[in-house]
Structures are given as C-alpha cells and as structure tokens.
Amino acid sequence: MSETIKFKRTSILQKRPTAAQLDLGEPAVVLHQSSFGVFLEDSNGDIRKVGPIHVGSSAPNGSAAGSSGHALGEGWLDTNNNSLKVWDGSQWISISGGGGGGSTHLEDFGLETGSVDYGLVTQSVSSNEDWGSSLSLLSN
C-alpha cells in the first residue's frame, strides 16, 4: 500500500517561503530546475534551506521572488572558481580552494551543471502554481 505525502511547493524561480507561510517544521519545496530546494521553519521562526547545494556562477536567491536572503549554513558551489561556499549569517565564506593548481574540479563534488533528476516528483507542476499543496512524493 502506498501513501501520498503532500508538501507546499512552487515552481517560480528563486521564490523562497516566508516564516508566515510555514508552520514550525513544515516543509516547502521549490521545484524550479535552476533553484531547486527544500525549506523548513526552525524553532526560532527562521527559514532554513536543507538542500541541495546551489551550483552556479552567481549566489542563490540573488533576485528573490519570495523571502530574501539566505539560510544559515546554506551552501553554494561557485562555478566561477570551483569554490565551495557556506552562508555564515552575514556573508559567503569560502571553505575550499579555488583551483589549487588545477586539482579542484566540479567532478570532485559529484555534481553536474546540467539537468538533475531528483527522483521525487510523481506529477508535473504547472508554471502558474504557487505554494499549493499537491506535490506527491514516493513513499514505501
């Protein structure tokens, strides 16, 4: 017997949820292929991105369509210099070298810059849906 789990979701680029839109621990999913992410509200009322890491030449959420800013501990693989960065609450901190004599490559992180199949979505999301609640996920 299978069950359907439904999350709040949007397919709008860089539209992050606000604390007012989520209850404590309630997940929301951004499904846009360029800014995919899962978000939760923590016990302080802050929105946290729990994954995946953003891969691109510019920082995530630079042109916010929803909640602005970044989540503490959020990650970004900067493809300009192949540097892994983490948001410390006020700025992006580089935690890996930017080339190291050619030894650092995107492949080292197991990431590709093409399309990614996350294996979770079992029905399509039309572009006009915005924080609805009918995304079906696979469960055992």
C-alpha atoms as a PDB file:
ATOM      1  CA  MET A   1       0.000   0.000   0.000  1.00  0.00           C
ATOM      2  CA  SER A   2       1.395   3.395  -0.922  1.00  0.00           C
ATOM      3  CA  GLU A   3       0.779   6.741   0.701  1.00  0.00           C
ATOM      4  CA  THR A   4       0.851  10.222  -0.762  1.00  0.00           C
ATOM      5  CA  ILE A   5       2.723  12.903   1.146  1.00  0.00           C
ATOM      6  CA  LYS A   6       1.880  16.460   0.134  1.00  0.00           C
ATOM      7  CA  PHE A   7       4.228  19.415   0.599  1.00  0.00           C
ATOM      8  CA  LYS A   8       3.759  23.086  -0.096  1.00  0.00           C
ATOM      9  CA  ARG A   9       5.537  23.846  -3.352  1.00  0.00           C
ATOM     10  CA  THR A  10       6.210  26.398  -6.068  1.00  0.00           C
ATOM     11  CA  SER A  11       7.912  26.286  -9.441  1.00  0.00           C
ATOM     12  CA  ILE A  12       8.736  30.023  -9.517  1.00  0.00           C
ATOM     13  CA  LEU A  13      12.453  30.792  -9.836  1.00  0.00           C
ATOM     14  CA  GLN A  14      14.005  31.965  -6.526  1.00  0.00           C
ATOM     15  CA  LYS A  15      10.668  32.043  -4.672  1.00  0.00           C
ATOM     16  CA  ARG A  16      11.508  31.028  -1.128  1.00  0.00           C
ATOM     17  CA  PRO A  17       8.843  30.664   1.560  1.00  0.00           C
ATOM     18  CA  THR A  18       8.474  33.142   4.395  1.00  0.00           C
ATOM     19  CA  ALA A  19       8.022  32.185   8.046  1.00  0.00           C
ATOM     20  CA  ALA A  20       4.413  33.404   7.824  1.00  0.00           C
ATOM     21  CA  GLN A  21       3.717  30.824   5.093  1.00  0.00           C
ATOM     22  CA  LEU A  22       5.032  27.835   7.076  1.00  0.00           C
ATOM     23  CA  ASP A  23       4.332  26.271  10.446  1.00  0.00           C
ATOM     24  CA  LEU A  24       7.179  25.053  12.656  1.00  0.00           C
ATOM     25  CA  GLY A  25       8.845  22.117  10.865  1.00  0.00           C
ATOM     26  CA  GLU A  26       6.530  22.304   7.849  1.00  0.00           C
ATOM     27  CA  PRO A  27       8.438  21.658   4.598  1.00  0.00           C
ATOM     28  CA  ALA A  28       8.134  23.644   1.374  1.00  0.00           C
ATOM     29  CA  VAL A  29       9.711  22.675  -1.941  1.00  0.00           C
ATOM     30  CA  VAL A  30      10.935  24.967  -4.726  1.00  0.00           C
ATOM     31  CA  LEU A  31      10.827  22.939  -7.934  1.00  0.00           C
ATOM     32  CA  HIS A  32      12.431  25.314 -10.439  1.00  0.00           C
ATOM     33  CA  GLN A  33      15.354  23.467 -12.057  1.00  0.00           C
ATOM     34  CA  SER A  34      17.722  26.421 -11.507  1.00  0.00           C
ATOM     35  CA  SER A  35      16.968  26.867  -7.810  1.00  0.00           C
ATOM     36  CA  PHE A  36      15.594  23.562  -6.501  1.00  0.00           C
ATOM     37  CA  GLY A  37      15.404  23.421  -2.727  1.00  0.00           C
ATOM     38  CA  VAL A  38      13.662  22.125   0.371  1.00  0.00           C
ATOM     39  CA  PHE A  39      12.938  24.613   3.162  1.00  0.00           C
ATOM     40  CA  LEU A  40      11.767  24.293   6.799  1.00  0.00           C
ATOM     41  CA  GLU A  41      10.907  26.775   9.548  1.00  0.00           C
ATOM     42  CA  ASP A  42      13.110  26.255  12.631  1.00  0.00           C
ATOM     43  CA  SER A  43      12.231  26.851  16.307  1.00  0.00           C
ATOM     44  CA  ASN A  44      13.395  30.494  16.064  1.00  0.00           C
ATOM     45  CA  GLY A  45      10.974  31.159  13.210  1.00  0.00           C
ATOM     46  CA  ASP A  46      13.803  31.299  10.665  1.00  0.00           C
ATOM     47  CA  ILE A  47      13.547  29.613   7.278  1.00  0.00           C
ATOM     48  CA  ARG A  48      16.302  27.043   6.663  1.00  0.00           C
ATOM     49  CA  LYS A  49      17.273  25.525   3.328  1.00  0.00           C
ATOM     50  CA  VAL A  50      18.014  21.846   3.902  1.00  0.00           C
ATOM     51  CA  GLY A  51      19.257  21.060   0.405  1.00  0.00           C
ATOM     52  CA  PRO A  52      20.504  20.645  -2.165  1.00  0.00           C
ATOM     53  CA  ILE A  53      23.568  22.842  -2.553  1.00  0.00           C
ATOM     54  CA  HIS A  54      23.254  25.555  -5.222  1.00  0.00           C
ATOM     55  CA  VAL A  55      25.548  25.146  -8.239  1.00  0.00           C
ATOM     56  CA  GLY A  56      26.167  28.211 -10.421  1.00  0.00           C
ATOM     57  CA  SER A  57      28.204  31.268 -11.249  1.00  0.00           C
ATOM     58  CA  SER A  58      26.144  33.587  -9.039  1.00  0.00           C
ATOM     59  CA  ALA A  59      24.939  33.201  -5.458  1.00  0.00           C
ATOM     60  CA  PRO A  60      21.499  31.679  -4.898  1.00  0.00           C
ATOM     61  CA  ASN A  61      18.464  33.894  -4.298  1.00  0.00           C
ATOM     62  CA  GLY A  62      20.151  36.959  -5.803  1.00  0.00           C
ATOM     63  CA  SER A  63      16.858  38.151  -7.344  1.00  0.00           C
ATOM     64  CA  ALA A  64      14.449  36.951  -4.707  1.00  0.00           C
ATOM     65  CA  ALA A  65      10.841  36.396  -5.775  1.00  0.00           C
ATOM     66  CA  GLY A  66       9.865  35.400  -2.228  1.00  0.00           C
ATOM     67  CA  SER A  67      11.765  35.546   1.032  1.00  0.00           C
ATOM     68  CA  SER A  68      15.032  37.435   0.515  1.00  0.00           C
ATOM     69  CA  GLY A  69      18.379  36.471   1.945  1.00  0.00           C
ATOM     70  CA  HIS A  70      19.982  33.136   2.682  1.00  0.00           C
ATOM     71  CA  ALA A  71      19.671  30.429   5.326  1.00  0.00           C
ATOM     72  CA  LEU A  72      22.433  29.949   7.893  1.00  0.00           C
ATOM     73  CA  GLY A  73      24.608  27.072   6.670  1.00  0.00           C
ATOM     74  CA  GLU A  74      23.274  27.203   3.102  1.00  0.00           C
ATOM     75  CA  GLY A  75      25.793  26.006   0.525  1.00  0.00           C
ATOM     76  CA  TRP A  76      26.873  27.242  -2.892  1.00  0.00           C
ATOM     77  CA  LEU A  77      29.344  25.728  -5.355  1.00  0.00           C
ATOM     78  CA  ASP A  78      30.622  28.819  -7.181  1.00  0.00           C
ATOM     79  CA  THR A  79      31.403  27.654 -10.724  1.00  0.00           C
ATOM     80  CA  ASN A  80      33.411  30.836 -11.437  1.00  0.00           C
ATOM     81  CA  ASN A  81      36.312  29.435  -9.431  1.00  0.00           C
ATOM     82  CA  ASN A  82      35.092  25.980  -8.319  1.00  0.00           C
ATOM     83  CA  SER A  83      34.917  27.185  -4.723  1.00  0.00           C
ATOM     84  CA  LEU A  84      32.559  25.677  -2.152  1.00  0.00           C
ATOM     85  CA  LYS A  85      30.981  28.420  -0.014  1.00  0.00           C
ATOM     86  CA  VAL A  86      28.718  28.484   3.051  1.00  0.00           C
ATOM     87  CA  TRP A  87      26.490  31.330   4.301  1.00  0.00           C
ATOM     88  CA  ASP A  88      27.567  32.242   7.864  1.00  0.00           C
ATOM     89  CA  GLY A  89      24.590  34.502   8.564  1.00  0.00           C
ATOM     90  CA  SER A  90      26.102  37.648   7.051  1.00  0.00           C
ATOM     91  CA  GLN A  91      28.359  36.619   4.131  1.00  0.00           C
ATOM     92  CA  TRP A  92      29.510  33.739   1.932  1.00  0.00           C
ATOM     93  CA  ILE A  93      32.604  32.059   3.414  1.00  0.00           C
ATOM     94  CA  SER A  94      34.803  30.026   1.064  1.00  0.00           C
ATOM     95  CA  ILE A  95      35.604  26.625   2.544  1.00  0.00           C
ATOM     96  CA  SER A  96      37.547  25.184  -0.389  1.00  0.00           C
ATOM     97  CA  GLY A  97      40.320  26.335  -2.657  1.00  0.00           C
ATOM     98  CA  GLY A  98      39.557  27.959  -5.972  1.00  0.00           C
ATOM     99  CA  GLY A  99      41.578  25.756  -8.244  1.00  0.00           C
ATOM    100  CA  GLY A 100      44.583  24.703  -6.166  1.00  0.00           C
ATOM    101  CA  GLY A 101      46.846  24.245  -9.169  1.00  0.00           C
ATOM    102  CA  GLY A 102      44.082  22.623 -11.170  1.00  0.00           C
ATOM    103  CA  SER A 103      43.309  19.926  -8.617  1.00  0.00           C
ATOM    104  CA  THR A 104      39.792  21.138  -7.723  1.00  0.00           C
ATOM    105  CA  HIS A 105      37.067  20.269 -10.211  1.00  0.00           C
ATOM    106  CA  LEU A 106      33.287  20.125 -10.205  1.00  0.00           C
ATOM    107  CA  GLU A 107      33.536  16.376 -10.700  1.00  0.00           C
ATOM    108  CA  ASP A 108      35.220  16.101  -7.280  1.00  0.00           C
ATOM    109  CA  PHE A 109      31.930  17.117  -5.668  1.00  0.00           C
ATOM    110  CA  GLY A 110      29.877  14.630  -7.692  1.00  0.00           C
ATOM    111  CA  LEU A 111      27.879  17.462  -9.255  1.00  0.00           C
ATOM    112  CA  GLU A 112      26.979  18.278 -12.816  1.00  0.00           C
ATOM    113  CA  THR A 113      25.847  21.631 -14.119  1.00  0.00           C
ATOM    114  CA  GLY A 114      23.223  20.082 -16.432  1.00  0.00           C
ATOM    115  CA  SER A 115      19.710  18.985 -15.544  1.00  0.00           C
ATOM    116  CA  VAL A 116      19.184  16.913 -12.428  1.00  0.00           C
ATOM    117  CA  ASP A 117      16.568  14.228 -11.796  1.00  0.00           C
ATOM    118  CA  TYR A 118      15.773  14.215  -8.080  1.00  0.00           C
ATOM    119  CA  GLY A 119      13.502  11.158  -8.324  1.00  0.00           C
ATOM    120  CA  LEU A 120      10.822  12.621  -6.036  1.00  0.00           C
ATOM    121  CA  VAL A 121       8.213  14.340  -8.166  1.00  0.00           C
ATOM    122  CA  THR A 122       5.498  11.986  -9.372  1.00  0.00           C
ATOM    123  CA  GLN A 123       3.316  14.582 -11.055  1.00  0.00           C
ATOM    124  CA  SER A 124       4.100  17.719 -13.013  1.00  0.00           C
ATOM    125  CA  VAL A 125       3.751  21.209 -11.571  1.00  0.00           C
ATOM    126  CA  SER A 126       2.367  23.837 -13.900  1.00  0.00           C
ATOM    127  CA  SER A 127       4.030  27.242 -14.005  1.00  0.00           C
ATOM    128  CA  ASN A 128       1.005  29.034 -12.524  1.00  0.00           C
ATOM    129  CA  GLU A 129       1.006  27.031  -9.282  1.00  0.00           C
ATOM    130  CA  ASP A 130       2.319  28.949  -6.299  1.00  0.00           C
ATOM    131  CA  TRP A 131       2.690  27.412  -2.833  1.00  0.00           C
ATOM    132  CA  GLY A 132      -0.055  24.906  -3.476  1.00  0.00           C
ATOM    133  CA  SER A 133      -0.087  21.663  -1.579  1.00  0.00           C
ATOM    134  CA  SER A 134      -0.475  18.805  -4.006  1.00  0.00           C
ATOM    135  CA  LEU A 135       3.020  17.550  -4.764  1.00  0.00           C
ATOM    136  CA  SER A 136       3.090  13.767  -4.489  1.00  0.00           C
ATOM    137  CA  LEU A 137       6.259  12.095  -3.295  1.00  0.00           C
ATOM    138  CA  LEU A 138       7.144   8.439  -3.485  1.00  0.00           C
ATOM    139  CA  SER A 139       6.953   6.508  -0.230  1.00  0.00           C
ATOM    140  CA  ASN A 140       7.442   2.879   0.791  1.00  0.00           C
END
